[in-house]
PDB file of N, CA and C in Angstrom:
ATOM      1  N   UNK A   1     -22.142  -9.848  16.511  1.00  0.00           N
ATOM      2  CA  UNK A   1     -20.706  -9.861  16.361  1.00  0.00           C
ATOM      3  C   UNK A   1     -20.078  -9.340  17.647  1.00  0.00           C
ATOM      4  N   UNK A   2     -19.053 -10.011  18.164  1.00  0.00           N
ATOM      5  CA  UNK A   2     -18.419  -9.547  19.397  1.00  0.00           C
ATOM      6  C   UNK A   2     -17.642  -8.253  19.163  1.00  0.00           C
ATOM      7  N   UNK A   3     -17.490  -7.455  20.222  1.00  0.00           N
ATOM      8  CA  UNK A   3     -16.723  -6.206  20.064  1.00  0.00           C
ATOM      9  C   UNK A   3     -15.252  -6.503  19.805  1.00  0.00           C
ATOM     10  N   UNK A   4     -14.580  -5.545  19.181  1.00  0.00           N
ATOM     11  CA  UNK A   4     -13.157  -5.692  18.883  1.00  0.00           C
ATOM     12  C   UNK A   4     -12.336  -5.675  20.175  1.00  0.00           C
ATOM     13  N   UNK A   5     -11.250  -6.395  20.146  1.00  0.00           N
ATOM     14  CA  UNK A   5     -10.318  -6.404  21.269  1.00  0.00           C
ATOM     15  C   UNK A   5      -9.453  -5.147  21.188  1.00  0.00           C
ATOM     16  N   UNK A   6      -9.354  -4.386  22.280  1.00  0.00           N
ATOM     17  CA  UNK A   6      -8.506  -3.186  22.243  1.00  0.00           C
ATOM     18  C   UNK A   6      -7.047  -3.546  21.991  1.00  0.00           C
ATOM     19  N   UNK A   7      -6.413  -2.745  21.139  1.00  0.00           N
ATOM     20  CA  UNK A   7      -5.001  -2.945  20.811  1.00  0.00           C
ATOM     21  C   UNK A   7      -4.258  -1.635  21.069  1.00  0.00           C
ATOM     22  N   UNK A   8      -2.948  -1.721  21.205  1.00  0.00           N
ATOM     23  CA  UNK A   8      -2.125  -0.529  21.421  1.00  0.00           C
ATOM     24  C   UNK A   8      -2.170   0.364  20.190  1.00  0.00           C
ATOM     25  N   UNK A   9      -2.139   1.663  20.416  1.00  0.00           N
ATOM     26  CA  UNK A   9      -2.098   2.634  19.316  1.00  0.00           C
ATOM     27  C   UNK A   9      -0.828   2.404  18.501  1.00  0.00           C
ATOM     28  N   UNK A  10      -0.898   2.616  17.190  1.00  0.00           N
ATOM     29  CA  UNK A  10       0.235   2.372  16.292  1.00  0.00           C
ATOM     30  C   UNK A  10       1.335   3.428  16.407  1.00  0.00           C
ATOM     31  N   UNK A  11       1.070   4.535  17.090  1.00  0.00           N
ATOM     32  CA  UNK A  11       2.077   5.586  17.237  1.00  0.00           C
ATOM     33  C   UNK A  11       3.061   5.168  18.322  1.00  0.00           C
ATOM     34  N   UNK A  12       4.327   5.156  17.981  1.00  0.00           N
ATOM     35  CA  UNK A  12       5.371   4.743  18.929  1.00  0.00           C
ATOM     36  C   UNK A  12       5.360   5.656  20.154  1.00  0.00           C
ATOM     37  N   UNK A  13       5.314   5.033  21.328  1.00  0.00           N
ATOM     38  CA  UNK A  13       5.328   5.774  22.575  1.00  0.00           C
ATOM     39  C   UNK A  13       3.958   6.124  23.126  1.00  0.00           C
ATOM     40  N   UNK A  14       2.900   5.951  22.348  1.00  0.00           N
ATOM     41  CA  UNK A  14       1.544   6.250  22.808  1.00  0.00           C
ATOM     42  C   UNK A  14       1.065   5.096  23.687  1.00  0.00           C
ATOM     43  N   UNK A  15       0.521   5.416  24.849  1.00  0.00           N
ATOM     44  CA  UNK A  15       0.076   4.386  25.789  1.00  0.00           C
ATOM     45  C   UNK A  15      -1.406   4.081  25.662  1.00  0.00           C
ATOM     46  N   UNK A  16      -2.096   4.727  24.751  1.00  0.00           N
ATOM     47  CA  UNK A  16      -3.536   4.517  24.586  1.00  0.00           C
ATOM     48  C   UNK A  16      -3.816   3.227  23.835  1.00  0.00           C
ATOM     49  N   UNK A  17      -5.030   2.710  24.039  1.00  0.00           N
ATOM     50  CA  UNK A  17      -5.494   1.556  23.277  1.00  0.00           C
ATOM     51  C   UNK A  17      -6.660   1.992  22.410  1.00  0.00           C
ATOM     52  N   UNK A  18      -6.956   1.191  21.397  1.00  0.00           N
ATOM     53  CA  UNK A  18      -8.027   1.541  20.486  1.00  0.00           C
ATOM     54  C   UNK A  18      -8.687   0.284  19.930  1.00  0.00           C
ATOM     55  N   UNK A  19      -9.940   0.432  19.549  1.00  0.00           N
ATOM     56  CA  UNK A  19     -10.651  -0.643  18.853  1.00  0.00           C
ATOM     57  C   UNK A  19     -10.915  -0.226  17.411  1.00  0.00           C
ATOM     58  N   UNK A  20     -10.407   0.943  17.028  1.00  0.00           N
ATOM     59  CA  UNK A  20     -10.598   1.448  15.667  1.00  0.00           C
ATOM     60  C   UNK A  20      -9.823   0.578  14.676  1.00  0.00           C
ATOM     61  N   UNK A  21     -10.429   0.228  13.520  1.00  0.00           N
ATOM     62  CA  UNK A  21      -9.735  -0.603  12.528  1.00  0.00           C
ATOM     63  C   UNK A  21      -8.434  -0.003  11.998  1.00  0.00           C
ATOM     64  N   UNK A  22      -8.280   1.326  12.061  1.00  0.00           N
ATOM     65  CA  UNK A  22      -7.058   1.964  11.569  1.00  0.00           C
ATOM     66  C   UNK A  22      -5.864   1.650  12.455  1.00  0.00           C
ATOM     67  N   UNK A  23      -6.105   1.317  13.732  1.00  0.00           N
ATOM     68  CA  UNK A  23      -5.023   1.027  14.653  1.00  0.00           C
ATOM     69  C   UNK A  23      -4.531   2.238  15.416  1.00  0.00           C
ATOM     70  N   UNK A  24      -5.171   3.408  15.218  1.00  0.00           N
ATOM     71  CA  UNK A  24      -4.766   4.633  15.894  1.00  0.00           C
ATOM     72  C   UNK A  24      -5.816   5.032  16.931  1.00  0.00           C
ATOM     73  N   UNK A  25      -5.359   5.583  18.064  1.00  0.00           N
ATOM     74  CA  UNK A  25      -6.284   6.065  19.082  1.00  0.00           C
ATOM     75  C   UNK A  25      -6.924   7.365  18.588  1.00  0.00           C
ATOM     76  N   UNK A  26      -7.871   7.898  19.366  1.00  0.00           N
ATOM     77  CA  UNK A  26      -8.579   9.117  18.959  1.00  0.00           C
ATOM     78  C   UNK A  26      -7.628  10.302  18.786  1.00  0.00           C
ATOM     79  N   UNK A  27      -6.600  10.372  19.618  1.00  0.00           N
ATOM     80  CA  UNK A  27      -5.652  11.490  19.537  1.00  0.00           C
ATOM     81  C   UNK A  27      -4.781  11.429  18.282  1.00  0.00           C
ATOM     82  N   UNK A  28      -4.578  10.233  17.724  1.00  0.00           N
ATOM     83  CA  UNK A  28      -3.685  10.071  16.573  1.00  0.00           C
ATOM     84  C   UNK A  28      -4.405   9.623  15.301  1.00  0.00           C
ATOM     85  N   UNK A  29      -5.713   9.663  15.295  1.00  0.00           N
ATOM     86  CA  UNK A  29      -6.483   9.223  14.127  1.00  0.00           C
ATOM     87  C   UNK A  29      -6.031  10.005  12.895  1.00  0.00           C
ATOM     88  N   UNK A  30      -5.748   9.325  11.801  1.00  0.00           N
ATOM     89  CA  UNK A  30      -5.305   9.967  10.564  1.00  0.00           C
ATOM     90  C   UNK A  30      -3.805  10.186  10.511  1.00  0.00           C
ATOM     91  N   UNK A  31      -3.083   9.744  11.522  1.00  0.00           N
ATOM     92  CA  UNK A  31      -1.623   9.951  11.601  1.00  0.00           C
ATOM     93  C   UNK A  31      -0.881   9.295  10.430  1.00  0.00           C
ATOM     94  N   UNK A  32      -1.305   8.113  10.026  1.00  0.00           N
ATOM     95  CA  UNK A  32      -0.618   7.392   8.961  1.00  0.00           C
ATOM     96  C   UNK A  32      -0.565   8.176   7.660  1.00  0.00           C
ATOM     97  N   UNK A  33      -1.650   8.862   7.314  1.00  0.00           N
ATOM     98  CA  UNK A  33      -1.671   9.622   6.062  1.00  0.00           C
ATOM     99  C   UNK A  33      -0.867  10.899   6.169  1.00  0.00           C
ATOM    100  N   UNK A  34      -0.758  11.481   7.359  1.00  0.00           N
ATOM    101  CA  UNK A  34       0.003  12.716   7.518  1.00  0.00           C
ATOM    102  C   UNK A  34       1.485  12.515   7.270  1.00  0.00           C
ATOM    103  N   UNK A  35       1.974  11.309   7.514  1.00  0.00           N
ATOM    104  CA  UNK A  35       3.394  11.041   7.331  1.00  0.00           C
ATOM    105  C   UNK A  35       3.765  10.887   5.861  1.00  0.00           C
ATOM    106  N   UNK A  36       2.786  10.643   4.999  1.00  0.00           N
ATOM    107  CA  UNK A  36       3.088  10.378   3.604  1.00  0.00           C
ATOM    108  C   UNK A  36       2.844  11.610   2.751  1.00  0.00           C
ATOM    109  N   UNK A  37       3.899  12.337   2.450  1.00  0.00           N
ATOM    110  CA  UNK A  37       3.870  13.503   1.569  1.00  0.00           C
ATOM    111  C   UNK A  37       2.689  14.427   1.886  1.00  0.00           C
ATOM    112  N   UNK A  38       2.686  15.035   3.036  1.00  0.00           N
ATOM    113  CA  UNK A  38       1.563  15.876   3.433  1.00  0.00           C
ATOM    114  C   UNK A  38       1.355  17.047   2.481  1.00  0.00           C
ATOM    115  N   UNK A  39       0.104  17.331   2.201  1.00  0.00           N
ATOM    116  CA  UNK A  39      -0.247  18.482   1.382  1.00  0.00           C
ATOM    117  C   UNK A  39      -0.132  18.272  -0.114  1.00  0.00           C
ATOM    118  N   UNK A  40       0.229  17.075  -0.564  1.00  0.00           N
ATOM    119  CA  UNK A  40       0.359  16.839  -1.999  1.00  0.00           C
ATOM    120  C   UNK A  40      -0.803  15.992  -2.507  1.00  0.00           C
ATOM    121  N   UNK A  41      -1.291  16.350  -3.678  1.00  0.00           N
ATOM    122  CA  UNK A  41      -2.354  15.567  -4.298  1.00  0.00           C
ATOM    123  C   UNK A  41      -1.746  14.340  -4.973  1.00  0.00           C
ATOM    124  N   UNK A  42      -2.596  13.426  -5.426  1.00  0.00           N
ATOM    125  CA  UNK A  42      -2.082  12.231  -6.113  1.00  0.00           C
ATOM    126  C   UNK A  42      -1.360  12.628  -7.401  1.00  0.00           C
ATOM    127  N   UNK A  43      -1.791  13.696  -8.046  1.00  0.00           N
ATOM    128  CA  UNK A  43      -1.118  14.168  -9.261  1.00  0.00           C
ATOM    129  C   UNK A  43       0.288  14.681  -8.939  1.00  0.00           C
ATOM    130  N   UNK A  44       0.423  15.414  -7.826  1.00  0.00           N
ATOM    131  CA  UNK A  44       1.725  15.932  -7.432  1.00  0.00           C
ATOM    132  C   UNK A  44       2.681  14.815  -7.028  1.00  0.00           C
ATOM    133  N   UNK A  45       2.136  13.690  -6.504  1.00  0.00           N
ATOM    134  CA  UNK A  45       2.971  12.550  -6.126  1.00  0.00           C
ATOM    135  C   UNK A  45       3.295  11.663  -7.320  1.00  0.00           C
ATOM    136  N   UNK A  46       2.744  11.982  -8.507  1.00  0.00           N
ATOM    137  CA  UNK A  46       3.061  11.219  -9.710  1.00  0.00           C
ATOM    138  C   UNK A  46       2.055  10.139 -10.057  1.00  0.00           C
ATOM    139  N   UNK A  47       0.847  10.230  -9.501  1.00  0.00           N
ATOM    140  CA  UNK A  47      -0.177   9.211  -9.761  1.00  0.00           C
ATOM    141  C   UNK A  47      -1.430   9.838 -10.363  1.00  0.00           C
ATOM    142  N   UNK A  48      -1.253  10.565 -11.439  1.00  0.00           N
ATOM    143  CA  UNK A  48      -2.358  11.233 -12.111  1.00  0.00           C
ATOM    144  C   UNK A  48      -3.005  10.359 -13.164  1.00  0.00           C
ATOM    145  N   UNK A  49      -3.565  10.987 -14.177  1.00  0.00           N
ATOM    146  CA  UNK A  49      -4.290  10.267 -15.222  1.00  0.00           C
ATOM    147  C   UNK A  49      -3.352   9.363 -16.040  1.00  0.00           C
ATOM    148  N   UNK A  50      -2.095   9.753 -16.184  1.00  0.00           N
ATOM    149  CA  UNK A  50      -1.129   8.901 -16.901  1.00  0.00           C
ATOM    150  C   UNK A  50      -0.935   7.588 -16.145  1.00  0.00           C
ATOM    151  N   UNK A  51      -0.868   7.668 -14.795  1.00  0.00           N
ATOM    152  CA  UNK A  51      -0.713   6.470 -13.978  1.00  0.00           C
ATOM    153  C   UNK A  51      -1.929   5.553 -14.127  1.00  0.00           C
ATOM    154  N   UNK A  52      -3.114   6.121 -14.252  1.00  0.00           N
ATOM    155  CA  UNK A  52      -4.324   5.309 -14.416  1.00  0.00           C
ATOM    156  C   UNK A  52      -4.236   4.439 -15.670  1.00  0.00           C
ATOM    157  N   UNK A  53      -3.671   4.984 -16.745  1.00  0.00           N
ATOM    158  CA  UNK A  53      -3.497   4.235 -17.997  1.00  0.00           C
ATOM    159  C   UNK A  53      -2.450   3.136 -17.813  1.00  0.00           C
ATOM    160  N   UNK A  54      -1.316   3.490 -17.195  1.00  0.00           N
ATOM    161  CA  UNK A  54      -0.246   2.511 -16.954  1.00  0.00           C
ATOM    162  C   UNK A  54      -0.758   1.388 -16.067  1.00  0.00           C
ATOM    163  N   UNK A  55      -1.487   1.741 -15.011  1.00  0.00           N
ATOM    164  CA  UNK A  55      -2.022   0.761 -14.061  1.00  0.00           C
ATOM    165  C   UNK A  55      -2.910  -0.259 -14.774  1.00  0.00           C
ATOM    166  N   UNK A  56      -3.797   0.230 -15.616  1.00  0.00           N
ATOM    167  CA  UNK A  56      -4.690  -0.663 -16.360  1.00  0.00           C
ATOM    168  C   UNK A  56      -3.900  -1.603 -17.275  1.00  0.00           C
ATOM    169  N   UNK A  57      -2.855  -1.093 -17.921  1.00  0.00           N
ATOM    170  CA  UNK A  57      -2.030  -1.913 -18.809  1.00  0.00           C
ATOM    171  C   UNK A  57      -1.305  -3.022 -18.041  1.00  0.00           C
ATOM    172  N   UNK A  58      -0.773  -2.693 -16.867  1.00  0.00           N
ATOM    173  CA  UNK A  58      -0.032  -3.676 -16.076  1.00  0.00           C
ATOM    174  C   UNK A  58      -0.974  -4.742 -15.532  1.00  0.00           C
ATOM    175  N   UNK A  59      -2.137  -4.341 -15.049  1.00  0.00           N
ATOM    176  CA  UNK A  59      -3.107  -5.326 -14.563  1.00  0.00           C
ATOM    177  C   UNK A  59      -3.507  -6.283 -15.687  1.00  0.00           C
ATOM    178  N   UNK A  60      -3.714  -5.734 -16.884  1.00  0.00           N
ATOM    179  CA  UNK A  60      -4.076  -6.577 -18.031  1.00  0.00           C
ATOM    180  C   UNK A  60      -2.913  -7.503 -18.405  1.00  0.00           C
ATOM    181  N   UNK A  61      -1.687  -6.972 -18.416  1.00  0.00           N
ATOM    182  CA  UNK A  61      -0.507  -7.780 -18.745  1.00  0.00           C
ATOM    183  C   UNK A  61      -0.362  -8.957 -17.788  1.00  0.00           C
ATOM    184  N   UNK A  62      -0.593  -8.706 -16.506  1.00  0.00           N
ATOM    185  CA  UNK A  62      -0.442  -9.747 -15.484  1.00  0.00           C
ATOM    186  C   UNK A  62      -1.722 -10.567 -15.281  1.00  0.00           C
ATOM    187  N   UNK A  63      -2.688 -10.381 -16.161  1.00  0.00           N
ATOM    188  CA  UNK A  63      -3.967 -11.099 -16.133  1.00  0.00           C
ATOM    189  C   UNK A  63      -4.702 -10.953 -14.803  1.00  0.00           C
ATOM    190  N   UNK A  64      -4.578  -9.779 -14.192  1.00  0.00           N
ATOM    191  CA  UNK A  64      -5.261  -9.447 -12.934  1.00  0.00           C
ATOM    192  C   UNK A  64      -4.956 -10.447 -11.830  1.00  0.00           C
ATOM    193  N   UNK A  65      -3.726 -10.998 -11.822  1.00  0.00           N
ATOM    194  CA  UNK A  65      -3.299 -11.957 -10.799  1.00  0.00           C
ATOM    195  C   UNK A  65      -2.144 -11.375  -9.985  1.00  0.00           C
ATOM    196  N   UNK A  66      -2.178 -11.629  -8.690  1.00  0.00           N
ATOM    197  CA  UNK A  66      -1.116 -11.177  -7.789  1.00  0.00           C
ATOM    198  C   UNK A  66       0.164 -11.946  -8.116  1.00  0.00           C
ATOM    199  N   UNK A  67       1.202 -11.220  -8.492  1.00  0.00           N
ATOM    200  CA  UNK A  67       2.451 -11.848  -8.906  1.00  0.00           C
ATOM    201  C   UNK A  67       3.194 -12.492  -7.732  1.00  0.00           C
ATOM    202  N   UNK A  68       3.060 -11.941  -6.531  1.00  0.00           N
ATOM    203  CA  UNK A  68       3.703 -12.528  -5.350  1.00  0.00           C
ATOM    204  C   UNK A  68       3.081 -13.884  -5.031  1.00  0.00           C
ATOM    205  N   UNK A  69       1.757 -13.983  -5.106  1.00  0.00           N
ATOM    206  CA  UNK A  69       1.088 -15.262  -4.867  1.00  0.00           C
ATOM    207  C   UNK A  69       1.371 -16.236  -6.007  1.00  0.00           C
ATOM    208  N   UNK A  70       1.463 -15.721  -7.225  1.00  0.00           N
ATOM    209  CA  UNK A  70       1.727 -16.579  -8.383  1.00  0.00           C
ATOM    210  C   UNK A  70       3.098 -17.243  -8.259  1.00  0.00           C
ATOM    211  N   UNK A  71       4.067 -16.512  -7.697  1.00  0.00           N
ATOM    212  CA  UNK A  71       5.395 -17.100  -7.473  1.00  0.00           C
ATOM    213  C   UNK A  71       5.342 -18.251  -6.469  1.00  0.00           C
ATOM    214  N   UNK A  72       4.334 -18.243  -5.590  1.00  0.00           N
ATOM    215  CA  UNK A  72       4.141 -19.325  -4.617  1.00  0.00           C
ATOM    216  C   UNK A  72       3.230 -20.425  -5.160  1.00  0.00           C
ATOM    217  N   UNK A  73       2.746 -20.256  -6.393  1.00  0.00           N
ATOM    218  CA  UNK A  73       1.882 -21.241  -7.008  1.00  0.00           C
ATOM    219  C   UNK A  73       0.410 -21.072  -6.672  1.00  0.00           C
ATOM    220  N   UNK A  74       0.020 -19.880  -6.205  1.00  0.00           N
ATOM    221  CA  UNK A  74      -1.369 -19.605  -5.852  1.00  0.00           C
ATOM    222  C   UNK A  74      -1.939 -18.552  -6.793  1.00  0.00           C
ATOM    223  N   UNK A  75      -3.206 -18.702  -7.147  1.00  0.00           N
ATOM    224  CA  UNK A  75      -3.872 -17.727  -8.013  1.00  0.00           C
ATOM    225  C   UNK A  75      -4.785 -16.855  -7.163  1.00  0.00           C
ATOM    226  N   UNK A  76      -4.367 -15.595  -6.954  1.00  0.00           N
ATOM    227  CA  UNK A  76      -5.143 -14.629  -6.178  1.00  0.00           C
ATOM    228  C   UNK A  76      -5.300 -13.388  -7.045  1.00  0.00           C
ATOM    229  N   UNK A  77      -6.501 -12.809  -7.059  1.00  0.00           N
ATOM    230  CA  UNK A  77      -6.723 -11.646  -7.921  1.00  0.00           C
ATOM    231  C   UNK A  77      -5.975 -10.419  -7.397  1.00  0.00           C
ATOM    232  N   UNK A  78      -5.468  -9.632  -8.318  1.00  0.00           N
ATOM    233  CA  UNK A  78      -4.707  -8.422  -7.997  1.00  0.00           C
ATOM    234  C   UNK A  78      -5.624  -7.211  -8.025  1.00  0.00           C
ATOM    235  N   UNK A  79      -5.359  -6.276  -7.135  1.00  0.00           N
ATOM    236  CA  UNK A  79      -6.163  -5.068  -7.067  1.00  0.00           C
ATOM    237  C   UNK A  79      -5.337  -3.808  -7.288  1.00  0.00           C
ATOM    238  N   UNK A  80      -4.008  -3.913  -7.195  1.00  0.00           N
ATOM    239  CA  UNK A  80      -3.181  -2.720  -7.341  1.00  0.00           C
ATOM    240  C   UNK A  80      -1.888  -3.050  -8.075  1.00  0.00           C
ATOM    241  N   UNK A  81      -1.227  -2.000  -8.513  1.00  0.00           N
ATOM    242  CA  UNK A  81       0.048  -2.136  -9.219  1.00  0.00           C
ATOM    243  C   UNK A  81       1.128  -1.513  -8.344  1.00  0.00           C
ATOM    244  N   UNK A  82       2.228  -2.225  -8.163  1.00  0.00           N
ATOM    245  CA  UNK A  82       3.297  -1.808  -7.266  1.00  0.00           C
ATOM    246  C   UNK A  82       4.602  -1.613  -8.026  1.00  0.00           C
ATOM    247  N   UNK A  83       5.394  -0.660  -7.566  1.00  0.00           N
ATOM    248  CA  UNK A  83       6.739  -0.461  -8.112  1.00  0.00           C
ATOM    249  C   UNK A  83       7.667  -1.466  -7.437  1.00  0.00           C
ATOM    250  N   UNK A  84       8.365  -2.287  -8.195  1.00  0.00           N
ATOM    251  CA  UNK A  84       9.306  -3.259  -7.639  1.00  0.00           C
ATOM    252  C   UNK A  84      10.398  -2.500  -6.894  1.00  0.00           C
ATOM    253  N   UNK A  85      10.987  -1.511  -7.530  1.00  0.00           N
ATOM    254  CA  UNK A  85      11.886  -0.567  -6.860  1.00  0.00           C
ATOM    255  C   UNK A  85      11.062   0.702  -6.662  1.00  0.00           C
ATOM    256  N   UNK A  86      10.824   1.065  -5.416  1.00  0.00           N
ATOM    257  CA  UNK A  86       9.956   2.200  -5.094  1.00  0.00           C
ATOM    258  C   UNK A  86      10.419   3.484  -5.767  1.00  0.00           C
ATOM    259  N   UNK A  87       9.462   4.335  -6.114  1.00  0.00           N
ATOM    260  CA  UNK A  87       9.795   5.621  -6.723  1.00  0.00           C
ATOM    261  C   UNK A  87      10.671   6.449  -5.785  1.00  0.00           C
ATOM    262  N   UNK A  88      10.449   6.305  -4.484  1.00  0.00           N
ATOM    263  CA  UNK A  88      11.249   7.041  -3.499  1.00  0.00           C
ATOM    264  C   UNK A  88      12.706   6.594  -3.503  1.00  0.00           C
ATOM    265  N   UNK A  89      12.949   5.374  -3.999  1.00  0.00           N
ATOM    266  CA  UNK A  89      14.311   4.844  -4.064  1.00  0.00           C
ATOM    267  C   UNK A  89      14.877   4.884  -5.475  1.00  0.00           C
ATOM    268  N   UNK A  90      14.284   5.682  -6.346  1.00  0.00           N
ATOM    269  CA  UNK A  90      14.800   5.837  -7.702  1.00  0.00           C
ATOM    270  C   UNK A  90      14.112   4.975  -8.747  1.00  0.00           C
ATOM    271  N   UNK A  91      13.049   4.278  -8.378  1.00  0.00           N
ATOM    272  CA  UNK A  91      12.306   3.460  -9.339  1.00  0.00           C
ATOM    273  C   UNK A  91      11.547   4.315 -10.339  1.00  0.00           C
ATOM    274  N   UNK A  92      11.204   3.708 -11.457  1.00  0.00           N
ATOM    275  CA  UNK A  92      10.484   4.434 -12.510  1.00  0.00           C
ATOM    276  C   UNK A  92       9.152   3.762 -12.790  1.00  0.00           C
ATOM    277  N   UNK A  93       8.399   4.362 -13.709  1.00  0.00           N
ATOM    278  CA  UNK A  93       7.119   3.802 -14.130  1.00  0.00           C
ATOM    279  C   UNK A  93       7.268   2.873 -15.338  1.00  0.00           C
ATOM    280  N   UNK A  94       8.478   2.401 -15.609  1.00  0.00           N
ATOM    281  CA  UNK A  94       8.705   1.464 -16.707  1.00  0.00           C
ATOM    282  C   UNK A  94       7.980   0.159 -16.400  1.00  0.00           C
ATOM    283  N   UNK A  95       7.484  -0.504 -17.455  1.00  0.00           N
ATOM    284  CA  UNK A  95       6.758  -1.762 -17.293  1.00  0.00           C
ATOM    285  C   UNK A  95       7.575  -2.807 -16.541  1.00  0.00           C
ATOM    286  N   UNK A  96       8.878  -2.827 -16.760  1.00  0.00           N
ATOM    287  CA  UNK A  96       9.735  -3.823 -16.108  1.00  0.00           C
ATOM    288  C   UNK A  96       9.851  -3.596 -14.602  1.00  0.00           C
ATOM    289  N   UNK A  97       9.491  -2.409 -14.114  1.00  0.00           N
ATOM    290  CA  UNK A  97       9.567  -2.090 -12.693  1.00  0.00           C
ATOM    291  C   UNK A  97       8.202  -2.156 -12.011  1.00  0.00           C
ATOM    292  N   UNK A  98       7.198  -2.653 -12.707  1.00  0.00           N
ATOM    293  CA  UNK A  98       5.845  -2.694 -12.154  1.00  0.00           C
ATOM    294  C   UNK A  98       5.313  -4.117 -12.132  1.00  0.00           C
ATOM    295  N   UNK A  99       4.531  -4.425 -11.093  1.00  0.00           N
ATOM    296  CA  UNK A  99       3.885  -5.729 -11.013  1.00  0.00           C
ATOM    297  C   UNK A  99       2.543  -5.579 -10.305  1.00  0.00           C
ATOM    298  N   UNK A 100       1.612  -6.479 -10.629  1.00  0.00           N
ATOM    299  CA  UNK A 100       0.304  -6.493 -10.005  1.00  0.00           C
ATOM    300  C   UNK A 100       0.379  -7.259  -8.692  1.00  0.00           C
ATOM    301  N   UNK A 101      -0.241  -6.708  -7.652  1.00  0.00           N
ATOM    302  CA  UNK A 101      -0.278  -7.356  -6.349  1.00  0.00           C
ATOM    303  C   UNK A 101      -1.681  -7.259  -5.758  1.00  0.00           C
ATOM    304  N   UNK A 102      -2.003  -8.192  -4.854  1.00  0.00           N
ATOM    305  CA  UNK A 102      -3.259  -8.081  -4.103  1.00  0.00           C
ATOM    306  C   UNK A 102      -3.030  -7.050  -2.991  1.00  0.00           C
ATOM    307  N   UNK A 103      -4.115  -6.615  -2.348  1.00  0.00           N
ATOM    308  CA  UNK A 103      -4.001  -5.578  -1.319  1.00  0.00           C
ATOM    309  C   UNK A 103      -3.087  -6.012  -0.181  1.00  0.00           C
ATOM    310  N   UNK A 104      -3.221  -7.255   0.276  1.00  0.00           N
ATOM    311  CA  UNK A 104      -2.412  -7.676   1.420  1.00  0.00           C
ATOM    312  C   UNK A 104      -0.927  -7.738   1.069  1.00  0.00           C
ATOM    313  N   UNK A 105      -0.575  -8.242  -0.105  1.00  0.00           N
ATOM    314  CA  UNK A 105       0.835  -8.278  -0.513  1.00  0.00           C
ATOM    315  C   UNK A 105       1.387  -6.866  -0.685  1.00  0.00           C
ATOM    316  N   UNK A 106       0.587  -5.968  -1.248  1.00  0.00           N
ATOM    317  CA  UNK A 106       1.025  -4.586  -1.444  1.00  0.00           C
ATOM    318  C   UNK A 106       1.264  -3.911  -0.101  1.00  0.00           C
ATOM    319  N   UNK A 107       0.350  -4.090   0.858  1.00  0.00           N
ATOM    320  CA  UNK A 107       0.506  -3.478   2.174  1.00  0.00           C
ATOM    321  C   UNK A 107       1.741  -4.028   2.884  1.00  0.00           C
ATOM    322  N   UNK A 108       1.973  -5.337   2.773  1.00  0.00           N
ATOM    323  CA  UNK A 108       3.134  -5.955   3.404  1.00  0.00           C
ATOM    324  C   UNK A 108       4.428  -5.420   2.807  1.00  0.00           C
ATOM    325  N   UNK A 109       4.499  -5.355   1.479  1.00  0.00           N
ATOM    326  CA  UNK A 109       5.710  -4.887   0.798  1.00  0.00           C
ATOM    327  C   UNK A 109       5.965  -3.403   1.110  1.00  0.00           C
ATOM    328  N   UNK A 110       4.918  -2.603   1.078  1.00  0.00           N
ATOM    329  CA  UNK A 110       5.062  -1.180   1.367  1.00  0.00           C
ATOM    330  C   UNK A 110       5.528  -0.963   2.802  1.00  0.00           C
ATOM    331  N   UNK A 111       4.962  -1.731   3.734  1.00  0.00           N
ATOM    332  CA  UNK A 111       5.377  -1.621   5.131  1.00  0.00           C
ATOM    333  C   UNK A 111       6.833  -1.986   5.327  1.00  0.00           C
ATOM    334  N   UNK A 112       7.288  -3.043   4.635  1.00  0.00           N
ATOM    335  CA  UNK A 112       8.689  -3.452   4.712  1.00  0.00           C
ATOM    336  C   UNK A 112       9.604  -2.360   4.171  1.00  0.00           C
ATOM    337  N   UNK A 113       9.188  -1.720   3.063  1.00  0.00           N
ATOM    338  CA  UNK A 113      10.009  -0.675   2.446  1.00  0.00           C
ATOM    339  C   UNK A 113      10.124   0.553   3.346  1.00  0.00           C
ATOM    340  N   UNK A 114       9.082   0.876   4.089  1.00  0.00           N
ATOM    341  CA  UNK A 114       9.110   2.057   4.950  1.00  0.00           C
ATOM    342  C   UNK A 114      10.013   1.860   6.154  1.00  0.00           C
ATOM    343  N   UNK A 115      10.252   0.599   6.532  1.00  0.00           N
ATOM    344  CA  UNK A 115      11.112   0.331   7.670  1.00  0.00           C
ATOM    345  C   UNK A 115      12.597   0.461   7.319  1.00  0.00           C
ATOM    346  N   UNK A 116      12.914   0.421   6.046  1.00  0.00           N
ATOM    347  CA  UNK A 116      14.321   0.488   5.610  1.00  0.00           C
ATOM    348  C   UNK A 116      14.905   1.861   5.775  1.00  0.00           C
TER     349      UNK A 116
END
């Protein structure tokens, strides 16, 4: 397998390049997780054992299919459950505010929400 092509570090203003899959140079490795509610466990962020039950129910309701791909007429398996209106923006864990998404759709949607 050929080596990875070096890319710019994901930290704004950093001039380093990296071949690490995370996209961060050695000086900024782990930076992405530090920005998201540092020092809080998944239970403190609202994703404890109750969320595990809700997540399973939503995946079953949506037949383990990515709802974003389904709207485009494609059947792709879902791996996670996403808040349509993010909890940070006042969203709740109500069934009507949750949908199943594949990893790539979830990452894209989450990235878009963080830019707002």
